[in-house]
N, C-alpha and C. Protein backbone atom coordinates (compact mmCIF):
# COMPACT_ATOMS: atom_id res chain seq x y z
N MET A 1 -40.51 38.72 -236.49
CA MET A 1 -40.97 39.68 -234.69
C MET A 1 -41.93 39.33 -234.29
N SER A 2 -42.38 39.41 -233.03
CA SER A 2 -43.22 38.93 -232.46
C SER A 2 -44.40 39.78 -232.44
N SER A 3 -45.93 39.62 -231.96
CA SER A 3 -46.87 40.20 -231.54
C SER A 3 -46.56 41.06 -230.58
N ASN A 4 -45.37 41.45 -230.09
CA ASN A 4 -45.42 42.56 -229.27
C ASN A 4 -45.71 43.86 -229.94
N PHE A 5 -45.96 44.90 -228.89
CA PHE A 5 -46.43 46.29 -229.47
C PHE A 5 -44.99 46.74 -229.74
N TRP A 6 -43.75 46.65 -228.95
CA TRP A 6 -42.70 47.44 -229.39
C TRP A 6 -41.88 46.76 -230.71
N CYS A 7 -42.56 45.87 -231.60
CA CYS A 7 -41.97 45.08 -232.31
C CYS A 7 -42.83 45.28 -233.93
N GLY A 8 -41.61 46.08 -235.19
CA GLY A 8 -42.19 45.96 -236.13
C GLY A 8 -41.61 44.90 -236.83
N GLU A 9 -41.40 45.38 -238.40
CA GLU A 9 -41.18 44.32 -239.29
C GLU A 9 -40.01 44.35 -239.23
N LYS A 10 -39.19 45.54 -238.64
CA LYS A 10 -37.46 45.36 -239.13
C LYS A 10 -36.78 45.78 -237.82
N VAL A 11 -37.78 46.54 -236.86
CA VAL A 11 -37.27 47.03 -235.94
C VAL A 11 -37.72 46.51 -234.52
N ARG A 12 -37.15 46.35 -233.26
CA ARG A 12 -37.83 45.82 -231.96
C ARG A 12 -37.19 47.21 -230.99
N LEU A 13 -38.13 48.23 -230.54
CA LEU A 13 -37.42 48.86 -229.42
C LEU A 13 -37.60 48.12 -227.57
N ARG A 14 -36.12 48.36 -227.51
CA ARG A 14 -36.37 47.94 -225.99
C ARG A 14 -36.04 49.48 -225.18
N ALA A 15 -35.90 49.19 -223.69
CA ALA A 15 -35.19 49.81 -222.78
C ALA A 15 -33.69 49.29 -222.60
N VAL A 16 -33.22 50.15 -222.12
CA VAL A 16 -31.79 49.87 -221.90
C VAL A 16 -31.20 49.27 -220.98
N GLU A 17 -30.11 48.27 -221.44
CA GLU A 17 -30.06 47.20 -220.47
C GLU A 17 -28.53 47.26 -219.92
N GLU A 18 -28.26 46.31 -218.86
CA GLU A 18 -26.87 46.57 -218.44
C GLU A 18 -25.51 46.58 -219.56
N HIS A 19 -25.94 45.38 -220.36
CA HIS A 19 -24.31 45.61 -221.42
C HIS A 19 -24.10 46.86 -222.13
N ASP A 20 -25.67 47.57 -222.38
CA ASP A 20 -25.40 48.45 -223.48
C ASP A 20 -24.52 49.88 -223.16
N PRO A 21 -24.13 50.05 -222.01
CA PRO A 21 -23.34 51.21 -222.32
C PRO A 21 -21.51 50.37 -222.45
N GLU A 22 -21.39 48.69 -222.28
CA GLU A 22 -20.20 48.69 -222.48
C GLU A 22 -20.05 48.21 -224.26
N ALA A 23 -21.03 47.72 -224.75
CA ALA A 23 -21.31 47.50 -226.25
C ALA A 23 -20.94 48.93 -226.83
N ALA A 24 -22.02 49.71 -226.32
CA ALA A 24 -21.53 51.36 -227.15
C ALA A 24 -20.12 51.61 -227.26
N SER A 25 -19.88 51.67 -225.86
CA SER A 25 -18.34 52.25 -226.04
C SER A 25 -16.97 51.87 -226.47
N ILE A 26 -17.58 50.66 -226.65
CA ILE A 26 -16.35 49.74 -227.75
C ILE A 26 -16.59 50.23 -229.38
N GLN A 27 -17.56 51.17 -230.01
CA GLN A 27 -17.21 51.47 -230.92
C GLN A 27 -16.56 52.72 -230.76
N GLU A 28 -16.23 52.97 -231.75
CA GLU A 28 -15.04 54.26 -232.25
C GLU A 28 -16.51 54.95 -232.33
N PRO A 29 -16.25 56.29 -231.94
CA PRO A 29 -17.57 57.71 -232.38
C PRO A 29 -17.11 58.03 -233.63
N ASP A 30 -18.26 57.81 -233.97
CA ASP A 30 -18.77 58.72 -235.19
C ASP A 30 -18.51 60.13 -235.05
N THR A 31 -17.90 60.34 -235.29
CA THR A 31 -17.98 62.48 -235.41
C THR A 31 -18.51 62.99 -236.02
N ASP A 32 -19.05 62.29 -237.83
CA ASP A 32 -19.52 63.04 -238.04
C ASP A 32 -20.78 62.53 -237.91
N LEU A 33 -21.51 61.89 -237.34
CA LEU A 33 -22.58 61.41 -236.84
C LEU A 33 -23.26 62.09 -235.50
N GLU A 34 -22.41 62.64 -235.11
CA GLU A 34 -22.45 63.64 -233.84
C GLU A 34 -22.88 65.16 -234.40
N ARG A 35 -22.43 65.53 -235.44
CA ARG A 35 -23.05 66.62 -235.78
C ARG A 35 -23.74 66.58 -236.53
N PHE A 36 -24.89 65.38 -237.04
CA PHE A 36 -26.21 65.49 -237.06
C PHE A 36 -26.66 65.85 -236.10
N GLU A 37 -26.03 64.80 -234.78
CA GLU A 37 -26.89 65.19 -233.66
C GLU A 37 -27.06 66.89 -233.15
N ASP A 38 -26.14 67.35 -232.87
CA ASP A 38 -25.83 68.59 -232.85
C ASP A 38 -24.41 69.26 -233.41
N PHE A 39 -23.51 68.45 -232.06
CA PHE A 39 -21.94 69.18 -232.09
C PHE A 39 -20.90 67.42 -232.11
N ILE A 40 -20.01 68.16 -232.45
CA ILE A 40 -19.27 66.96 -231.62
C ILE A 40 -18.44 67.15 -230.29
N TYR A 41 -19.00 66.34 -229.87
CA TYR A 41 -18.60 66.37 -228.47
C TYR A 41 -17.16 65.78 -227.82
N PHE A 42 -16.26 66.32 -226.71
CA PHE A 42 -15.16 66.38 -225.88
C PHE A 42 -15.17 64.58 -226.20
N PRO A 43 -14.23 63.64 -226.18
CA PRO A 43 -13.93 62.71 -226.02
C PRO A 43 -14.52 62.23 -224.23
N VAL A 44 -14.98 61.24 -224.05
CA VAL A 44 -15.18 60.59 -222.95
C VAL A 44 -14.60 59.17 -222.30
N SER A 45 -14.66 59.50 -220.83
CA SER A 45 -13.97 57.87 -220.83
C SER A 45 -15.57 56.81 -220.45
N LYS A 46 -14.57 55.62 -220.31
CA LYS A 46 -15.77 54.51 -220.22
C LYS A 46 -17.01 54.80 -219.05
N ARG A 47 -16.06 55.24 -218.25
CA ARG A 47 -17.13 55.54 -216.91
C ARG A 47 -18.28 56.53 -217.34
N GLN A 48 -17.97 57.77 -217.70
CA GLN A 48 -18.76 58.82 -217.93
C GLN A 48 -19.43 58.36 -219.18
N HIS A 49 -19.16 57.41 -220.39
CA HIS A 49 -20.07 57.10 -221.04
C HIS A 49 -21.07 55.99 -220.53
N ARG A 50 -20.76 54.93 -219.17
CA ARG A 50 -22.02 54.23 -218.65
C ARG A 50 -22.36 55.06 -217.77
N GLU A 51 -22.39 56.03 -217.20
CA GLU A 51 -22.85 57.02 -216.46
C GLU A 51 -24.10 57.94 -217.37
N THR A 52 -23.74 58.13 -218.65
CA THR A 52 -24.68 58.95 -219.47
C THR A 52 -25.63 57.67 -219.71
N TRP A 53 -25.61 56.21 -220.04
CA TRP A 53 -26.72 55.26 -220.70
C TRP A 53 -27.37 54.68 -219.39
N GLU A 54 -26.50 54.87 -218.22
CA GLU A 54 -27.38 54.46 -216.88
C GLU A 54 -28.81 55.77 -217.16
N HIS A 55 -27.75 57.31 -216.92
CA HIS A 55 -28.90 58.31 -216.69
C HIS A 55 -30.27 57.92 -217.57
N LEU A 56 -29.92 57.59 -219.57
CA LEU A 56 -31.06 57.43 -220.15
C LEU A 56 -31.84 56.41 -219.98
N GLY A 57 -31.37 55.00 -219.25
CA GLY A 57 -31.75 54.21 -218.83
C GLY A 57 -33.46 54.40 -217.68
N ARG A 58 -33.10 55.74 -216.95
CA ARG A 58 -34.16 55.90 -215.67
C ARG A 58 -35.87 56.28 -216.38
N LYS A 59 -36.31 55.59 -215.78
CA LYS A 59 -37.91 56.13 -215.70
C LYS A 59 -37.56 57.62 -214.94
N ARG A 60 -38.63 58.42 -216.00
CA ARG A 60 -38.92 59.92 -215.18
C ARG A 60 -40.22 60.07 -215.15
N ASP A 61 -40.45 61.45 -214.02
CA ASP A 61 -42.03 61.57 -213.94
C ASP A 61 -42.83 61.35 -214.76
N ASP A 62 -42.09 62.21 -215.79
CA ASP A 62 -42.85 62.48 -217.13
C ASP A 62 -42.97 61.36 -218.21
N ASP A 63 -43.29 61.71 -219.69
CA ASP A 63 -43.25 60.35 -220.34
C ASP A 63 -42.43 60.27 -221.20
N THR A 64 -41.14 61.04 -221.00
CA THR A 64 -39.67 61.07 -221.54
C THR A 64 -39.42 59.94 -221.61
N PHE A 65 -38.80 58.83 -222.82
CA PHE A 65 -38.19 57.97 -222.48
C PHE A 65 -36.98 57.79 -223.74
N PHE A 66 -36.38 56.62 -223.53
CA PHE A 66 -35.01 56.19 -224.02
C PHE A 66 -35.39 54.72 -224.78
N TRP A 67 -35.25 54.77 -226.18
CA TRP A 67 -35.24 53.05 -226.64
C TRP A 67 -33.90 52.89 -227.06
N VAL A 68 -33.58 51.72 -227.14
CA VAL A 68 -32.57 51.20 -227.96
C VAL A 68 -33.37 50.53 -229.13
N ILE A 69 -33.02 51.14 -230.35
CA ILE A 69 -33.31 50.35 -231.63
C ILE A 69 -32.95 48.88 -232.15
N GLU A 70 -33.49 47.86 -232.32
CA GLU A 70 -32.18 46.59 -232.25
C GLU A 70 -33.11 46.39 -233.87
N ASN A 71 -32.44 45.60 -234.67
CA ASN A 71 -32.91 44.94 -236.00
C ASN A 71 -33.54 43.40 -235.91
N ALA A 72 -33.68 42.99 -236.32
CA ALA A 72 -34.73 41.37 -236.43
C ALA A 72 -33.20 40.45 -236.10
N GLU A 73 -32.13 40.65 -236.46
CA GLU A 73 -30.97 39.93 -236.08
C GLU A 73 -30.64 40.76 -234.55
N GLY A 74 -31.30 41.03 -233.89
CA GLY A 74 -30.66 41.76 -232.37
C GLY A 74 -29.69 42.68 -232.71
N GLU A 75 -29.03 42.91 -233.73
CA GLU A 75 -28.05 43.75 -233.37
C GLU A 75 -28.73 45.63 -233.03
N ARG A 76 -28.15 46.40 -232.22
CA ARG A 76 -27.88 47.71 -232.02
C ARG A 76 -27.84 48.60 -233.13
N VAL A 77 -29.42 48.95 -233.83
CA VAL A 77 -28.82 50.13 -235.29
C VAL A 77 -28.80 51.23 -234.92
N GLY A 78 -29.55 51.34 -233.55
CA GLY A 78 -29.31 53.17 -233.27
C GLY A 78 -30.37 53.44 -232.07
N ASN A 79 -31.24 54.51 -231.33
CA ASN A 79 -31.53 54.81 -230.44
C ASN A 79 -32.60 55.99 -230.89
N ILE A 80 -33.77 56.02 -230.02
CA ILE A 80 -35.23 57.09 -230.55
C ILE A 80 -35.57 57.24 -228.92
N GLY A 81 -35.59 58.22 -228.66
CA GLY A 81 -36.03 59.12 -227.42
C GLY A 81 -36.91 60.44 -227.75
N THR A 82 -38.06 60.31 -226.30
CA THR A 82 -39.00 61.31 -226.31
C THR A 82 -38.43 62.42 -225.31
N PHE A 83 -38.67 63.67 -225.80
CA PHE A 83 -38.34 64.43 -224.39
C PHE A 83 -39.74 65.93 -224.49
N ASP A 84 -39.69 66.81 -223.83
CA ASP A 84 -40.43 67.86 -223.58
C ASP A 84 -41.87 67.51 -223.70
N CYS A 85 -41.97 66.59 -222.93
CA CYS A 85 -43.78 65.91 -223.16
C CYS A 85 -44.63 66.54 -221.99
N ASP A 86 -45.22 67.33 -222.76
CA ASP A 86 -46.56 67.64 -221.89
C ASP A 86 -47.85 67.57 -222.18
N GLN A 87 -47.67 66.73 -221.11
CA GLN A 87 -49.09 66.49 -220.62
C GLN A 87 -50.56 66.99 -220.85
N ARG A 88 -50.34 68.47 -220.24
CA ARG A 88 -51.71 69.13 -220.33
C ARG A 88 -51.53 69.61 -221.60
N VAL A 89 -50.97 69.90 -222.73
CA VAL A 89 -50.97 70.05 -223.76
C VAL A 89 -50.98 69.29 -224.66
N GLY A 90 -51.05 67.90 -224.71
CA GLY A 90 -50.62 67.04 -225.13
C GLY A 90 -49.48 66.92 -226.43
N ALA A 91 -48.81 67.49 -226.32
CA ALA A 91 -47.24 67.73 -227.31
C ALA A 91 -46.41 67.52 -226.74
N PHE A 92 -45.32 66.70 -227.91
CA PHE A 92 -44.19 66.46 -227.26
C PHE A 92 -43.05 66.02 -228.68
N LYS A 93 -41.75 65.81 -228.17
CA LYS A 93 -40.61 66.19 -229.42
C LYS A 93 -39.96 64.65 -229.42
N TYR A 94 -39.50 64.55 -230.33
CA TYR A 94 -38.35 63.15 -229.86
C TYR A 94 -36.99 63.65 -231.40
N GLY A 95 -36.25 62.56 -230.55
CA GLY A 95 -35.05 62.47 -231.14
C GLY A 95 -34.91 61.24 -231.84
N VAL A 96 -34.13 61.18 -233.05
CA VAL A 96 -33.77 59.57 -233.78
C VAL A 96 -32.55 59.47 -234.26
N VAL A 97 -31.52 58.39 -233.80
CA VAL A 97 -30.31 57.91 -234.38
C VAL A 97 -30.64 56.87 -234.81
N ILE A 98 -29.86 56.50 -236.14
CA ILE A 98 -29.51 55.63 -236.59
C ILE A 98 -27.98 55.63 -236.93
N LEU A 99 -27.04 54.34 -236.60
CA LEU A 99 -25.81 54.33 -236.56
C LEU A 99 -25.28 53.94 -238.11
N ARG A 100 -24.53 54.71 -238.70
CA ARG A 100 -23.92 54.80 -240.16
C ARG A 100 -24.12 53.42 -240.87
N PRO A 101 -23.43 52.31 -240.49
CA PRO A 101 -23.92 51.09 -241.11
C PRO A 101 -25.29 50.83 -241.20
N PHE A 102 -26.00 51.08 -240.63
CA PHE A 102 -27.55 50.75 -241.14
C PHE A 102 -28.93 52.20 -241.44
N TRP A 103 -27.74 52.59 -241.75
CA TRP A 103 -28.56 53.85 -242.94
C TRP A 103 -29.77 53.62 -244.05
N ARG A 104 -30.47 53.83 -244.30
CA ARG A 104 -31.46 53.51 -245.94
C ARG A 104 -31.94 52.10 -245.55
N ARG A 105 -32.16 51.93 -244.11
CA ARG A 105 -33.10 50.43 -244.35
C ARG A 105 -34.38 50.24 -243.59
N GLY A 106 -35.04 51.51 -243.64
CA GLY A 106 -36.61 51.79 -243.14
C GLY A 106 -36.58 51.67 -241.92
N TYR A 107 -35.38 51.60 -240.63
CA TYR A 107 -35.37 51.63 -239.36
C TYR A 107 -35.65 52.92 -238.68
N ALA A 108 -35.29 54.08 -238.86
CA ALA A 108 -35.56 54.83 -238.34
C ALA A 108 -37.47 55.48 -238.64
N ARG A 109 -37.51 54.98 -240.19
CA ARG A 109 -39.14 54.80 -240.11
C ARG A 109 -40.02 54.08 -239.29
N GLU A 110 -39.33 53.31 -239.18
CA GLU A 110 -40.49 52.40 -238.52
C GLU A 110 -39.90 52.38 -236.88
N ALA A 111 -39.00 52.98 -236.54
CA ALA A 111 -39.06 52.91 -234.77
C ALA A 111 -40.14 54.47 -234.97
N ILE A 112 -39.80 55.32 -235.69
CA ILE A 112 -40.61 56.75 -235.35
C ILE A 112 -42.29 56.26 -235.53
N SER A 113 -42.32 55.17 -235.95
CA SER A 113 -44.35 54.77 -236.01
C SER A 113 -44.55 53.94 -235.09
N ILE A 114 -43.61 53.14 -234.46
CA ILE A 114 -43.92 52.97 -233.11
C ILE A 114 -44.22 53.39 -232.39
N VAL A 115 -43.16 54.41 -231.75
CA VAL A 115 -43.32 55.40 -230.75
C VAL A 115 -44.37 56.51 -230.96
N LEU A 116 -44.88 57.19 -231.95
CA LEU A 116 -46.14 57.81 -232.39
C LEU A 116 -47.28 57.01 -232.21
N ARG A 117 -47.40 55.91 -232.90
CA ARG A 117 -48.74 54.84 -232.29
C ARG A 117 -48.76 54.57 -230.82
N TYR A 118 -47.54 54.30 -230.38
CA TYR A 118 -47.88 54.85 -228.85
C TYR A 118 -48.37 56.17 -228.13
N TYR A 119 -47.47 57.25 -228.48
CA TYR A 119 -48.00 58.48 -227.64
C TYR A 119 -49.45 58.96 -228.11
N PHE A 120 -49.61 59.08 -229.72
CA PHE A 120 -51.05 59.22 -230.09
C PHE A 120 -52.20 58.09 -229.34
N HIS A 121 -52.02 56.83 -229.31
CA HIS A 121 -53.14 55.87 -229.22
C HIS A 121 -52.71 55.60 -227.71
N GLU A 122 -51.69 55.55 -226.81
CA GLU A 122 -51.81 54.90 -225.68
C GLU A 122 -51.87 55.92 -224.55
N LEU A 123 -50.94 56.81 -224.80
CA LEU A 123 -50.89 58.08 -224.15
C LEU A 123 -51.75 59.62 -224.33
N ARG A 124 -52.73 59.93 -225.16
CA ARG A 124 -53.67 60.78 -225.81
C ARG A 124 -52.67 61.92 -225.83
N TYR A 125 -51.59 61.52 -226.74
CA TYR A 125 -50.72 63.28 -227.00
C TYR A 125 -51.50 63.50 -228.28
N GLN A 126 -51.74 64.52 -228.75
CA GLN A 126 -52.52 64.80 -229.89
C GLN A 126 -51.50 65.41 -230.79
N LYS A 127 -50.14 65.62 -230.52
CA LYS A 127 -49.29 66.95 -231.38
C LYS A 127 -47.49 66.14 -231.37
N VAL A 128 -46.85 65.81 -232.12
CA VAL A 128 -45.55 65.58 -232.17
C VAL A 128 -44.68 66.76 -232.69
N THR A 129 -43.51 67.04 -232.31
CA THR A 129 -42.56 68.23 -233.12
C THR A 129 -41.02 67.33 -233.33
N ALA A 130 -40.61 67.68 -234.61
CA ALA A 130 -39.31 66.97 -234.69
C ALA A 130 -38.41 68.19 -235.00
N ILE A 131 -37.23 68.41 -234.97
CA ILE A 131 -36.03 69.49 -234.82
C ILE A 131 -35.23 68.58 -235.74
N VAL A 132 -35.20 69.14 -237.38
CA VAL A 132 -34.30 69.20 -237.70
C VAL A 132 -33.30 69.72 -238.21
N TYR A 133 -32.04 69.87 -238.57
CA TYR A 133 -30.64 70.64 -238.70
C TYR A 133 -30.83 70.89 -240.37
N VAL A 134 -30.91 71.87 -241.03
CA VAL A 134 -31.18 72.35 -242.34
C VAL A 134 -30.21 71.62 -243.35
N PHE A 135 -29.31 70.98 -242.67
CA PHE A 135 -27.98 70.48 -243.56
C PHE A 135 -28.43 68.79 -243.76
N ASN A 136 -29.36 68.39 -242.93
CA ASN A 136 -29.81 67.11 -243.12
C ASN A 136 -30.66 66.67 -243.65
N LYS A 137 -30.21 66.55 -245.24
CA LYS A 137 -31.38 66.29 -246.15
C LYS A 137 -32.18 64.97 -245.66
N ARG A 138 -31.35 64.16 -245.44
CA ARG A 138 -32.37 62.97 -245.26
C ARG A 138 -33.23 62.62 -244.25
N SER A 139 -32.96 63.82 -243.11
CA SER A 139 -34.00 63.58 -241.96
C SER A 139 -35.31 64.32 -242.44
N GLN A 140 -34.72 65.24 -243.71
CA GLN A 140 -36.03 66.39 -244.27
C GLN A 140 -36.60 65.05 -244.47
N ARG A 141 -36.15 64.24 -246.02
CA ARG A 141 -37.09 64.24 -246.49
C ARG A 141 -37.63 62.60 -245.50
N LEU A 142 -37.34 61.96 -244.85
CA LEU A 142 -37.85 60.99 -243.63
C LEU A 142 -38.75 61.59 -243.00
N HIS A 143 -38.84 62.94 -242.62
CA HIS A 143 -39.89 63.61 -242.11
C HIS A 143 -41.27 63.52 -243.02
N GLU A 144 -40.71 64.22 -244.31
CA GLU A 144 -41.67 64.62 -244.91
C GLU A 144 -42.68 63.36 -245.70
N GLY A 145 -41.50 62.10 -245.89
CA GLY A 145 -42.36 60.97 -246.02
C GLY A 145 -43.40 60.33 -244.96
N LEU A 146 -42.54 60.66 -243.79
CA LEU A 146 -43.91 60.43 -242.41
C LEU A 146 -45.46 61.05 -242.34
N GLY A 147 -45.51 62.21 -243.17
CA GLY A 147 -46.49 62.43 -243.29
C GLY A 147 -46.36 64.10 -242.63
N PHE A 148 -45.18 64.42 -241.87
CA PHE A 148 -44.94 65.52 -241.26
C PHE A 148 -45.33 66.97 -242.47
N THR A 149 -45.69 68.17 -241.28
CA THR A 149 -45.48 69.28 -242.13
C THR A 149 -44.11 69.97 -241.88
N LEU A 150 -43.41 70.93 -242.68
CA LEU A 150 -42.82 71.88 -242.12
C LEU A 150 -43.70 73.14 -241.78
N GLU A 151 -43.05 73.30 -239.69
CA GLU A 151 -44.15 74.41 -239.75
C GLU A 151 -43.07 75.58 -239.53
N GLY A 152 -41.83 75.21 -239.57
CA GLY A 152 -41.11 76.66 -239.14
C GLY A 152 -39.73 76.52 -239.56
N ARG A 153 -38.88 77.86 -238.86
CA ARG A 153 -37.55 77.70 -239.25
C ARG A 153 -36.90 78.61 -238.10
N LEU A 154 -36.09 78.60 -237.45
CA LEU A 154 -35.05 79.01 -236.61
C LEU A 154 -34.15 79.16 -237.05
N ARG A 155 -33.46 80.70 -237.71
CA ARG A 155 -32.27 80.87 -238.69
C ARG A 155 -31.19 81.12 -237.39
N ARG A 156 -29.88 80.13 -237.92
CA ARG A 156 -28.41 80.34 -237.41
C ARG A 156 -28.53 80.09 -235.83
N THR A 157 -29.26 78.84 -235.29
CA THR A 157 -29.22 78.72 -233.87
C THR A 157 -28.57 77.27 -233.86
N VAL A 158 -27.67 77.09 -234.85
CA VAL A 158 -26.85 75.39 -234.72
C VAL A 158 -25.61 75.89 -235.42
N TYR A 159 -24.04 75.77 -234.38
CA TYR A 159 -23.33 75.96 -235.15
C TYR A 159 -22.33 74.71 -234.99
N THR A 160 -22.22 74.23 -236.09
CA THR A 160 -21.01 73.30 -236.39
C THR A 160 -20.21 73.31 -237.32
N ASN A 161 -18.71 72.74 -237.58
CA ASN A 161 -18.07 72.90 -238.62
C ASN A 161 -17.63 74.29 -239.09
N GLY A 162 -17.86 75.17 -238.26
CA GLY A 162 -17.46 76.36 -238.72
C GLY A 162 -18.21 77.03 -238.76
N THR A 163 -19.90 76.74 -239.38
CA THR A 163 -20.86 77.25 -240.13
C THR A 163 -22.10 77.50 -238.84
N LEU A 164 -22.67 78.49 -238.79
CA LEU A 164 -24.38 78.52 -238.48
C LEU A 164 -25.49 77.71 -239.62
N TYR A 165 -26.37 77.39 -238.63
CA TYR A 165 -26.94 76.70 -239.92
C TYR A 165 -28.67 76.96 -238.95
N ASP A 166 -29.70 77.01 -239.60
CA ASP A 166 -30.99 76.78 -238.96
C ASP A 166 -31.51 75.64 -238.84
N GLU A 167 -32.78 75.76 -238.12
CA GLU A 167 -33.26 74.61 -237.41
C GLU A 167 -34.45 74.38 -237.82
N LEU A 168 -34.85 73.46 -238.55
CA LEU A 168 -36.63 73.22 -239.09
C LEU A 168 -37.39 72.68 -237.94
N PHE A 169 -38.74 73.09 -238.00
CA PHE A 169 -39.65 72.56 -237.06
C PHE A 169 -40.76 71.71 -238.09
N PHE A 170 -40.82 70.15 -237.89
CA PHE A 170 -42.03 69.76 -238.81
C PHE A 170 -42.72 68.99 -237.53
N GLY A 171 -43.69 69.00 -237.93
CA GLY A 171 -45.03 68.85 -236.91
C GLY A 171 -45.81 67.57 -237.70
N LEU A 172 -46.47 67.19 -236.88
CA LEU A 172 -47.17 66.16 -237.23
C LEU A 172 -48.73 66.14 -235.92
N THR A 173 -49.99 66.15 -236.55
CA THR A 173 -51.08 65.53 -235.23
C THR A 173 -51.72 64.11 -235.50
N ARG A 174 -52.12 63.84 -234.53
CA ARG A 174 -52.64 62.54 -234.67
C ARG A 174 -53.28 62.24 -235.97
N GLU A 175 -54.34 63.48 -236.01
CA GLU A 175 -55.26 63.17 -236.74
C GLU A 175 -54.66 62.47 -238.59
N GLU A 176 -53.32 63.57 -238.39
CA GLU A 176 -52.55 63.33 -239.74
C GLU A 176 -51.92 62.06 -239.84
N PHE A 177 -51.50 61.74 -238.55
CA PHE A 177 -50.44 60.21 -238.51
C PHE A 177 -51.39 59.19 -238.76
N ASP A 178 -52.86 59.27 -238.26
CA ASP A 178 -54.00 58.26 -238.43
C ASP A 178 -54.29 58.31 -240.35
N ASP A 179 -54.59 59.65 -240.92
CA ASP A 179 -54.91 59.67 -241.98
C ASP A 179 -53.24 59.26 -242.81
N HIS A 180 -52.18 59.18 -242.55
CA HIS A 180 -50.89 58.82 -243.47
C HIS A 180 -50.39 57.53 -242.93
N HIS A 181 -51.08 56.68 -242.18
CA HIS A 181 -50.85 55.66 -241.61
C HIS A 181 -52.41 54.58 -240.85
N PRO A 182 -53.10 54.72 -241.85
CA PRO A 182 -54.53 54.17 -241.03
C PRO A 182 -54.17 52.87 -240.70
N THR A 183 -53.13 51.50 -240.78
CA THR A 183 -53.39 50.42 -239.88
C THR A 183 -52.75 50.70 -238.39
N ALA A 184 -52.39 52.12 -238.09
CA ALA A 184 -51.74 52.38 -236.84
C ALA A 184 -53.10 52.92 -235.83
N ALA A 185 -54.08 52.99 -236.59
CA ALA A 185 -55.19 53.27 -235.83
C ALA A 185 -55.95 52.10 -235.49
N VAL A 186 -55.84 50.96 -235.91
CA VAL A 186 -56.30 49.59 -236.00
C VAL A 186 -55.96 49.22 -234.46
């Protein structure tokens, strides 16, 4: 990879391109993966899919943004997006999705680190929150490994597969990020 801020050793983060909606719509929906996001969606047409991606790719008035995650070979391996960006308080949230064939390769870890470095060191945010569903053990381990602290639990707020589940709230401050990722502060 290059010396581009948005590139790590394994991934490159980029904006949505014109070809992304068509490329993504070719893939068969992974309903098990959708369940990890929040729930299984109704099928959508290619036009609806394209409109959704076009909406994700638009610049907003706040610091909300949506990136496509590519690996070193240029394959789209997932996406990451920020939301609930409160500039006054300096807090934001994010969500990350890695497509099933690319799990367990460190792509999510590196993409999250790049986004956190940007929000903490370029935009002056001081706190991030990640919401993880209690049944997503991989995501829990990922966030603990990144230095996040389990800050709370909302009981029975997610309904999927006929069962109610809890949401776990993991938090990380800029100082904790710098302590856990000392090279990010350079």
